[in-house]
Every structure is written in C-alpha cells, then in structure tokens.
C-alpha cells in the first residue's frame, strides 16, 4: 500500500527577510546628481586632478601645473578640468592669462551625504 507523504509536510509561515526594493532614500534628483558626478570622475586623469586638489586643501592650482602631474598636453588638461567644473566639483578663477582651480567648498561633503546610509533611530 503506497504511503501518502504530502499530508505529513508541515507548512512553515512566510518570513519577511529583506527590505523591499521599492523603498529608497535616494531621490531621482539625487540619483541624477550622482550619475553626473560619477561620469565626471570616471577617468584616471580627473581622479588625479581631484587628488592633487585635495592635497592642496583650500589653495588653488594653476592649469599649467597639471601638465607635468598628468603627463598630458594643455588642451587635454583643460578638457578634464572643464568636465570637473561642469560637474560642480571645481571652481575656476582667472588670474591674468592663467586659470586656477580649487575644489568647490562643501561639494565633497554633499557627495558623501548622498552615499551614506540613513541613520536608524533605535526605539
């Protein structure tokens, strides 16, 4: 006589184990801003420029100084600097015939805030 094992299987309750994907702390505007910033930073030369400016602190660096640092010609340096300015990461100041660049105050804090985990308040 065959044994019916189906009735012997115990049904377990469903447990919600994951946060639903429909919940996001990142607004569409914040996501678009991060996309623009990541596109601007997705180049080794631009990352080197950003690193140099981070090392300089609040000081500005002349466009002419980046040629030697990056090992590329002035038009290429200017192109990369323009991309970073357009993304809102750098500020440009004209001094005579030269342009000087520095990090835009508060911009890296803004990027960090967009990437941090939300604060969980314990009950």
Protein backbone atom coordinates (compact mmCIF):
# COMPACT_ATOMS: atom_id res chain seq x y z
CA UNK A 1 0.00 0.00 0.00
CA UNK A 2 1.57 3.36 -1.03
CA UNK A 3 2.17 5.93 1.66
CA UNK A 4 0.86 9.46 1.04
CA UNK A 5 3.60 11.77 2.35
CA UNK A 6 2.03 15.09 1.28
CA UNK A 7 -0.19 15.38 4.38
CA UNK A 8 2.89 14.89 6.56
CA UNK A 9 4.67 18.04 5.23
CA UNK A 10 4.40 20.88 7.70
CA UNK A 11 3.74 24.31 6.20
CA UNK A 12 6.08 26.97 7.53
CA UNK A 13 5.00 30.59 7.93
CA UNK A 14 6.41 33.13 5.48
CA UNK A 15 9.00 35.43 6.99
CA UNK A 16 9.79 38.82 5.51
CA UNK A 17 13.57 38.66 5.30
CA UNK A 18 14.51 41.50 3.01
CA UNK A 19 13.81 45.18 2.68
CA UNK A 20 11.54 45.76 -0.31
CA UNK A 21 13.34 47.30 -3.27
CA UNK A 22 10.60 49.89 -3.69
CA UNK A 23 11.92 51.79 -0.68
CA UNK A 24 14.79 54.17 -1.49
CA UNK A 25 16.27 57.10 0.36
CA UNK A 26 17.83 58.33 -2.88
CA UNK A 27 15.52 60.66 -4.76
CA UNK A 28 15.52 60.75 -8.57
CA UNK A 29 17.21 64.18 -8.43
CA UNK A 30 19.93 62.87 -6.09
CA UNK A 31 20.46 59.85 -8.35
CA UNK A 32 20.84 62.15 -11.38
CA UNK A 33 23.33 64.31 -9.47
CA UNK A 34 25.39 61.25 -8.50
CA UNK A 35 25.30 59.97 -12.07
CA UNK A 36 26.69 63.30 -13.32
CA UNK A 37 29.43 63.25 -10.67
CA UNK A 38 30.40 59.63 -11.29
CA UNK A 39 30.60 60.26 -15.03
CA UNK A 40 32.92 63.19 -14.37
CA UNK A 41 35.10 61.09 -12.07
CA UNK A 42 35.24 58.04 -14.32
CA UNK A 43 38.64 58.97 -15.73
CA UNK A 44 42.09 58.40 -14.23
CA UNK A 45 43.28 61.92 -15.12
CA UNK A 46 40.30 63.53 -13.42
CA UNK A 47 40.85 61.40 -10.34
CA UNK A 48 44.49 62.55 -10.26
CA UNK A 49 43.35 66.18 -10.58
CA UNK A 50 40.91 65.71 -7.73
CA UNK A 51 43.60 64.08 -5.62
CA UNK A 52 46.02 66.97 -6.24
CA UNK A 53 43.37 69.48 -5.27
CA UNK A 54 42.53 67.51 -2.14
CA UNK A 55 46.22 67.63 -1.18
CA UNK A 56 46.26 71.39 -1.81
CA UNK A 57 43.41 71.97 0.63
CA UNK A 58 41.87 75.40 0.07
CA UNK A 59 44.72 76.54 -2.20
CA UNK A 60 44.20 76.86 -5.94
CA UNK A 61 46.40 75.14 -8.52
CA UNK A 62 47.31 76.67 -11.87
CA UNK A 63 46.24 74.84 -15.00
CA UNK A 64 49.88 74.84 -16.13
CA UNK A 65 50.90 72.73 -13.09
CA UNK A 66 48.64 69.86 -14.11
CA UNK A 67 50.52 69.15 -17.37
CA UNK A 68 53.57 67.80 -15.55
CA UNK A 69 51.48 65.97 -12.95
CA UNK A 70 49.28 64.20 -15.53
CA UNK A 71 51.82 63.83 -18.32
CA UNK A 72 49.41 65.18 -20.94
CA UNK A 73 49.29 68.36 -23.03
CA UNK A 74 47.48 71.55 -22.00
CA UNK A 75 44.38 71.06 -24.22
CA UNK A 76 43.78 67.66 -22.62
CA UNK A 77 44.25 69.10 -19.12
CA UNK A 78 41.79 71.89 -19.93
CA UNK A 79 39.25 69.36 -21.21
CA UNK A 80 39.43 67.34 -17.98
CA UNK A 81 39.23 70.43 -15.80
CA UNK A 82 36.18 71.64 -17.73
CA UNK A 83 34.45 68.30 -17.12
CA UNK A 84 35.06 68.64 -13.37
CA UNK A 85 33.88 72.26 -13.33
CA UNK A 86 30.74 71.36 -15.29
CA UNK A 87 30.01 68.58 -12.79
CA UNK A 88 30.17 71.14 -10.00
CA UNK A 89 33.24 69.71 -8.28
CA UNK A 90 35.70 72.53 -9.04
CA UNK A 91 35.76 76.31 -9.15
CA UNK A 92 37.76 78.22 -11.75
CA UNK A 93 39.40 81.60 -11.16
CA UNK A 94 41.10 83.59 -13.92
CA UNK A 95 44.34 85.34 -12.89
CA UNK A 96 45.89 87.18 -15.81
CA UNK A 97 46.35 84.68 -18.62
CA UNK A 98 46.17 81.62 -16.35
CA UNK A 99 43.25 79.78 -14.80
CA UNK A 100 43.45 78.46 -11.24
CA UNK A 101 41.31 75.65 -9.92
CA UNK A 102 40.23 74.53 -6.48
CA UNK A 103 37.65 72.21 -5.00
CA UNK A 104 34.21 73.75 -4.68
CA UNK A 105 33.61 74.20 -0.92
CA UNK A 106 31.22 71.65 0.52
CA UNK A 107 30.92 69.59 -2.65
CA UNK A 108 32.69 66.50 -1.31
CA UNK A 109 30.52 66.67 1.80
CA UNK A 110 27.47 66.73 -0.48
CA UNK A 111 28.70 63.66 -2.37
CA UNK A 112 29.38 61.91 0.93
CA UNK A 113 25.91 62.72 2.20
CA UNK A 114 24.34 61.19 -0.91
CA UNK A 115 26.30 57.97 -0.37
CA UNK A 116 25.89 57.45 3.37
CA UNK A 117 23.46 55.06 4.94
CA UNK A 118 20.41 56.61 6.57
CA UNK A 119 20.53 56.99 10.34
CA UNK A 120 18.39 54.41 12.12
CA UNK A 121 16.76 55.68 15.27
CA UNK A 122 16.51 52.99 17.95
CA UNK A 123 13.18 52.70 19.71
